[in-house]
Amino acid sequence: MNPTQRLCSLNNVGVAATAGCLAMICATIAATFCATSLFAEPPQAEPSQDLPSSYAPAADLSAQLEELREHLQTDLADPSEYGEYQQQRIVMDANTLAALVLVLGKHDQANTIKDRGNAAQIITAARELARAAKSHEAAKQAMAIFEAQLAKRGDGQALEWKTSADIAQLMKQVPIANNNLRRGVEGRRFDRLADKNAGYAALLAAMAQASSVDTSYCADEADEQTWRKYCDELRDAASLVRKSVREGDQKQAVEALGAVARSCDSCHEAFGVK
């Protein structure tokens, strides 16, 4: 997807009303917490014990990681075109990469991130890239470090299920992934876009899983349980979309997309206006 197409996704032009509502919901939640320090350590919740392969296979997540890397490289390619819009996308995509690397690093299926044992270092590099986004030169250097970490073998440092990304940035990425997924699932190119659709669905599921351990939006234990419930609902609905896509069942995939929207609606009602 070129920068112009991604801009259309961010502005949510010409997509279904449900997708537009989801974008507003996520933007509202993200804006509510925009004053929070980008990398302040938030309170943590116990992670789900479900195996990552049950909701986001490693192959689909790895493909999404490569797509996000390409987005970053495109945004950093020309310093003369590097403006506020590119800076915002760098922050969002770098945080999304951090969340993906967490899930890949904790995955039960073999993948490059897990096999090299350096997920913790890659997450740190992704967060530093987000931090450096205001300056093209600094971001370019941080991207080089991130790429170097991807290629390295680590020391097998233990990786914990804990916050890896700024959750407000993940909330901005959710409607973009959802809009991409909706266009592919509801359109005539359903079969031809199976790999892309499965990847976007896995991305949504992984972001939901990564978000579930971050209780920044929660005031008490009851809130934490509610937050976890909605994260799990989003993860499982996205997982069903992916499964339906792989099975070639377009009707079921569209129905599961409705469950994705409903989980976001419910979460907004519970947390977005507090």
Protein backbone atom coordinates (compact mmCIF):
# COMPACT_ATOMS: atom_id res chain seq x y z
CA MET A 1 0.00 0.00 0.00
CA ASN A 2 1.45 3.36 -1.01
CA PRO A 3 1.42 6.48 1.24
CA THR A 4 -1.63 7.93 -0.50
CA GLN A 5 -3.63 4.76 0.11
CA ARG A 6 -2.59 4.69 3.77
CA LEU A 7 -3.60 8.33 4.14
CA CYS A 8 -7.07 7.39 2.91
CA SER A 9 -7.17 4.69 5.54
CA LEU A 10 -6.21 7.14 8.26
CA ASN A 11 -8.86 9.61 7.17
CA ASN A 12 -11.36 6.74 6.79
CA VAL A 13 -12.66 8.07 3.47
CA GLY A 14 -15.30 6.06 1.65
CA VAL A 15 -15.44 3.06 4.00
CA ALA A 16 -18.50 1.58 5.64
CA ALA A 17 -20.23 3.47 8.45
CA THR A 18 -19.39 0.71 10.91
CA ALA A 19 -15.70 1.08 10.15
CA GLY A 20 -15.98 4.85 10.58
CA CYS A 21 -17.57 4.37 13.99
CA LEU A 22 -14.76 2.02 15.00
CA ALA A 23 -12.17 4.61 13.95
CA MET A 24 -13.85 7.31 16.05
CA ILE A 25 -14.07 4.97 19.03
CA CYS A 26 -10.38 4.11 18.93
CA ALA A 27 -9.37 7.73 18.31
CA THR A 28 -11.46 8.85 21.29
CA ILE A 29 -9.89 6.30 23.60
CA ALA A 30 -6.40 7.14 22.36
CA ALA A 31 -6.95 10.88 22.74
CA THR A 32 -8.18 10.41 26.29
CA PHE A 33 -4.73 9.21 27.28
CA CYS A 34 -2.52 11.24 24.92
CA ALA A 35 -1.02 13.17 27.83
CA THR A 36 0.43 9.97 29.30
CA SER A 37 4.19 9.54 28.96
CA LEU A 38 4.92 7.43 25.87
CA PHE A 39 6.94 4.80 27.65
CA ALA A 40 5.89 5.14 31.27
CA GLU A 41 5.52 1.63 32.68
CA PRO A 42 1.76 1.04 33.03
CA PRO A 43 0.11 -1.33 35.50
CA GLN A 44 0.10 -4.93 34.30
CA ALA A 45 -2.46 -7.73 34.19
CA GLU A 46 -1.96 -11.48 34.09
CA PRO A 47 -1.68 -12.68 30.49
CA SER A 48 -4.01 -15.12 28.79
CA GLN A 49 -2.79 -18.70 28.79
CA ASP A 50 -4.14 -19.33 25.28
CA LEU A 51 -1.49 -20.39 22.80
CA PRO A 52 -0.72 -17.67 20.23
CA SER A 53 -1.17 -20.16 17.40
CA SER A 54 -4.83 -20.41 18.37
CA TYR A 55 -5.50 -16.79 17.44
CA ALA A 56 -2.57 -15.51 15.34
CA PRO A 57 -0.33 -18.03 13.56
CA ALA A 58 3.31 -17.05 13.41
CA ALA A 59 3.41 -17.06 9.61
CA ASP A 60 0.63 -14.46 9.36
CA LEU A 61 2.24 -12.27 12.01
CA SER A 62 5.65 -12.51 10.36
CA ALA A 63 4.11 -11.32 7.08
CA GLN A 64 2.59 -8.34 8.89
CA LEU A 65 5.94 -7.52 10.47
CA GLU A 66 7.48 -7.35 6.99
CA GLU A 67 4.67 -5.12 5.72
CA LEU A 68 5.14 -2.69 8.61
CA ARG A 69 8.88 -2.60 7.96
CA GLU A 70 8.16 -1.62 4.37
CA HIS A 71 5.86 1.17 5.58
CA LEU A 72 8.62 2.51 7.82
CA GLN A 73 11.19 2.39 5.04
CA THR A 74 8.83 4.25 2.72
CA ASP A 75 8.19 6.99 5.26
CA LEU A 76 11.92 7.42 5.87
CA ALA A 77 12.99 7.25 2.22
CA ASP A 78 12.90 10.98 1.40
CA PRO A 79 13.85 13.56 4.05
CA SER A 80 12.26 16.34 1.97
CA GLU A 81 8.87 14.66 2.33
CA TYR A 82 9.25 13.79 6.00
CA GLY A 83 6.60 15.80 7.81
CA GLU A 84 4.18 15.52 10.71
CA TYR A 85 2.10 12.88 8.97
CA GLN A 86 5.12 10.60 8.44
CA GLN A 87 6.26 11.23 12.02
CA GLN A 88 2.89 10.12 13.38
CA ARG A 89 2.92 6.97 11.27
CA ILE A 90 6.44 6.11 12.41
CA VAL A 91 5.33 6.33 16.04
CA MET A 92 2.24 4.23 15.39
CA ASP A 93 3.93 1.58 13.24
CA ALA A 94 6.96 1.26 15.52
CA ASN A 95 4.68 0.64 18.51
CA THR A 96 2.71 -1.88 16.50
CA LEU A 97 5.93 -3.68 15.65
CA ALA A 98 6.79 -3.82 19.35
CA ALA A 99 3.45 -5.51 20.05
CA LEU A 100 3.92 -7.98 17.18
CA VAL A 101 7.43 -8.86 18.33
CA LEU A 102 6.11 -9.57 21.84
CA VAL A 103 3.58 -12.07 20.50
CA LEU A 104 6.08 -13.63 18.10
CA GLY A 105 8.67 -13.88 20.85
CA LYS A 106 6.20 -15.69 23.12
CA HIS A 107 4.77 -17.79 20.29
CA ASP A 108 4.37 -21.55 20.45
CA GLN A 109 5.26 -21.86 16.76
CA ALA A 110 8.74 -21.48 15.35
CA ASN A 111 9.54 -18.10 13.81
CA THR A 112 12.61 -15.97 13.21
CA ILE A 113 12.03 -13.66 16.19
CA LYS A 114 11.60 -16.52 18.64
CA ASP A 115 14.38 -18.64 17.15
CA ARG A 116 16.97 -15.86 17.39
CA GLY A 117 16.18 -15.19 21.05
CA ASN A 118 16.41 -11.41 20.82
CA ALA A 119 12.78 -10.29 21.05
CA ALA A 120 13.42 -8.11 24.11
CA GLN A 121 16.17 -6.19 22.31
CA ILE A 122 14.01 -5.75 19.19
CA ILE A 123 11.15 -4.36 21.29
CA THR A 124 13.53 -1.86 22.86
CA ALA A 125 14.77 -0.82 19.41
CA ALA A 126 11.20 -0.39 18.16
CA ARG A 127 10.33 1.83 21.10
CA GLU A 128 13.44 3.90 20.53
CA LEU A 129 12.41 4.31 16.90
CA ALA A 130 9.05 5.68 18.03
CA ARG A 131 10.82 8.03 20.40
CA ALA A 132 13.08 9.32 17.60
CA ALA A 133 10.30 10.00 15.10
CA LYS A 134 10.32 13.81 15.34
CA SER A 135 13.68 14.01 13.57
CA HIS A 136 14.23 12.33 10.21
CA GLU A 137 17.94 11.88 10.89
CA ALA A 138 17.34 10.42 14.34
CA ALA A 139 14.57 8.17 13.07
CA LYS A 140 16.75 6.95 10.21
CA GLN A 141 19.49 6.03 12.68
CA ALA A 142 17.00 4.35 15.00
CA MET A 143 15.60 2.38 12.07
CA ALA A 144 19.09 1.13 11.24
CA ILE A 145 19.50 -0.05 14.82
CA PHE A 146 16.11 -1.76 14.68
CA GLU A 147 17.09 -3.56 11.46
CA ALA A 148 20.39 -4.61 13.00
CA GLN A 149 18.60 -6.08 16.00
CA LEU A 150 16.29 -8.05 13.71
CA ALA A 151 19.32 -9.68 12.11
CA LYS A 152 21.11 -10.50 15.36
CA ARG A 153 21.04 -13.59 17.49
CA GLY A 154 20.24 -12.68 21.06
CA ASP A 155 21.25 -14.08 24.39
CA GLY A 156 17.91 -15.76 25.02
CA GLN A 157 16.87 -13.08 27.51
CA ALA A 158 13.60 -14.07 29.14
CA LEU A 159 10.59 -12.38 27.59
CA GLU A 160 7.57 -11.65 29.77
CA TRP A 161 3.97 -11.00 28.84
CA LYS A 162 3.99 -7.34 29.76
CA THR A 163 3.37 -4.01 28.05
CA SER A 164 5.61 -3.62 25.01
CA ALA A 165 3.94 -0.68 23.25
CA ASP A 166 2.10 2.57 23.84
CA ILE A 167 -1.51 1.42 23.96
CA ALA A 168 -2.81 4.73 22.59
CA GLN A 169 -0.80 4.08 19.43
CA LEU A 170 -2.24 0.58 19.14
CA MET A 171 -5.71 2.11 19.39
CA LYS A 172 -4.86 4.24 16.36
CA GLN A 173 -3.68 1.20 14.40
CA VAL A 174 -6.81 -0.87 15.13
CA PRO A 175 -9.19 1.00 12.77
CA ILE A 176 -6.57 1.05 10.01
CA ALA A 177 -6.14 -2.72 10.18
CA ASN A 178 -9.89 -3.15 10.47
CA ASN A 179 -10.60 -0.96 7.43
CA ASN A 180 -8.02 -2.84 5.36
CA LEU A 181 -9.55 -6.10 6.48
CA ARG A 182 -13.13 -4.98 5.82
CA ARG A 183 -12.35 -3.91 2.27
CA GLY A 184 -10.76 -7.27 1.54
CA VAL A 185 -13.41 -9.38 3.23
CA GLU A 186 -16.52 -7.61 1.97
CA GLY A 187 -15.32 -7.06 -1.59
CA ARG A 188 -15.20 -9.22 -4.70
CA ARG A 189 -11.50 -9.95 -4.22
CA PHE A 190 -12.08 -12.03 -1.10
CA ASP A 191 -10.37 -15.14 -2.44
CA ARG A 192 -7.48 -13.29 -4.10
CA LEU A 193 -6.75 -11.32 -0.94
CA ALA A 194 -6.82 -14.30 1.41
CA ASP A 195 -3.21 -13.89 2.57
CA LYS A 196 -3.60 -10.14 3.13
CA ASN A 197 -6.91 -10.59 4.93
CA ALA A 198 -5.55 -13.34 7.16
CA GLY A 199 -2.59 -11.11 8.00
CA TYR A 200 -4.72 -8.12 8.99
CA ALA A 201 -6.96 -10.33 11.11
CA ALA A 202 -3.92 -11.83 12.85
CA LEU A 203 -2.58 -8.31 13.42
CA LEU A 204 -5.83 -7.29 15.14
CA ALA A 205 -5.73 -10.42 17.30
CA ALA A 206 -2.11 -9.82 18.27
CA MET A 207 -2.74 -6.18 19.18
CA ALA A 208 -5.68 -7.25 21.33
CA GLN A 209 -3.51 -9.82 23.11
CA ALA A 210 -0.69 -7.33 23.64
CA SER A 211 -3.16 -4.74 24.95
CA SER A 212 -4.77 -7.14 27.41
CA VAL A 213 -1.82 -7.02 29.82
CA ASP A 214 -1.83 -3.21 29.96
CA THR A 215 -4.33 -1.91 32.52
CA SER A 216 -3.63 1.80 32.04
CA TYR A 217 -7.30 2.50 31.43
CA CYS A 218 -8.46 0.64 34.56
CA ALA A 219 -9.33 2.23 37.89
CA ASP A 220 -9.83 -0.97 39.90
CA GLU A 221 -9.95 -4.75 39.73
CA ALA A 222 -13.45 -4.75 38.24
CA ASP A 223 -12.20 -2.51 35.44
CA GLU A 224 -9.29 -4.86 34.83
CA GLN A 225 -11.64 -7.82 34.42
CA THR A 226 -13.83 -5.83 32.03
CA TRP A 227 -10.82 -4.63 30.04
CA ARG A 228 -9.47 -8.15 29.73
CA LYS A 229 -12.90 -9.40 28.64
CA TYR A 230 -13.12 -6.91 25.78
CA CYS A 231 -9.53 -7.53 24.68
CA ASP A 232 -10.23 -11.26 24.61
CA GLU A 233 -13.45 -10.68 22.65
CA LEU A 234 -11.62 -8.61 20.05
CA ARG A 235 -8.82 -11.15 19.82
CA ASP A 236 -11.22 -14.07 19.41
CA ALA A 237 -13.44 -12.26 16.89
CA ALA A 238 -10.40 -11.32 14.79
CA SER A 239 -9.18 -14.89 15.06
CA LEU A 240 -12.52 -16.12 13.71
CA VAL A 241 -12.23 -13.72 10.78
CA ARG A 242 -8.80 -15.15 10.00
CA LYS A 243 -10.06 -18.74 10.28
CA SER A 244 -13.02 -17.96 8.01
CA VAL A 245 -10.73 -16.34 5.46
CA ARG A 246 -8.47 -19.39 5.37
CA GLU A 247 -11.51 -21.64 4.95
CA GLY A 248 -12.89 -19.47 2.16
CA ASP A 249 -16.09 -18.72 4.08
CA GLN A 250 -16.83 -15.09 3.19
CA LYS A 251 -20.22 -15.00 4.92
CA GLN A 252 -18.77 -16.12 8.24
CA ALA A 253 -15.85 -13.71 7.87
CA VAL A 254 -18.24 -10.78 7.43
CA GLU A 255 -20.25 -11.88 10.46
CA ALA A 256 -17.09 -12.13 12.56
CA LEU A 257 -16.15 -8.61 11.48
CA GLY A 258 -19.40 -7.50 13.09
CA ALA A 259 -18.24 -9.07 16.34
CA VAL A 260 -14.99 -7.11 16.06
CA ALA A 261 -16.96 -3.86 15.83
CA ARG A 262 -19.25 -4.83 18.71
CA SER A 263 -16.32 -5.56 21.01
CA CYS A 264 -14.87 -2.11 20.25
CA ASP A 265 -18.29 -0.46 20.79
CA SER A 266 -18.63 -2.14 24.18
CA CYS A 267 -15.09 -1.20 25.22
CA HIS A 268 -15.72 2.41 24.26
CA GLU A 269 -18.86 2.52 26.35
CA ALA A 270 -17.00 1.10 29.34
CA PHE A 271 -13.74 3.09 29.11
CA GLY A 272 -13.89 5.79 26.43
CA VAL A 273 -15.91 8.37 28.33
CA LYS A 274 -14.50 7.91 31.85
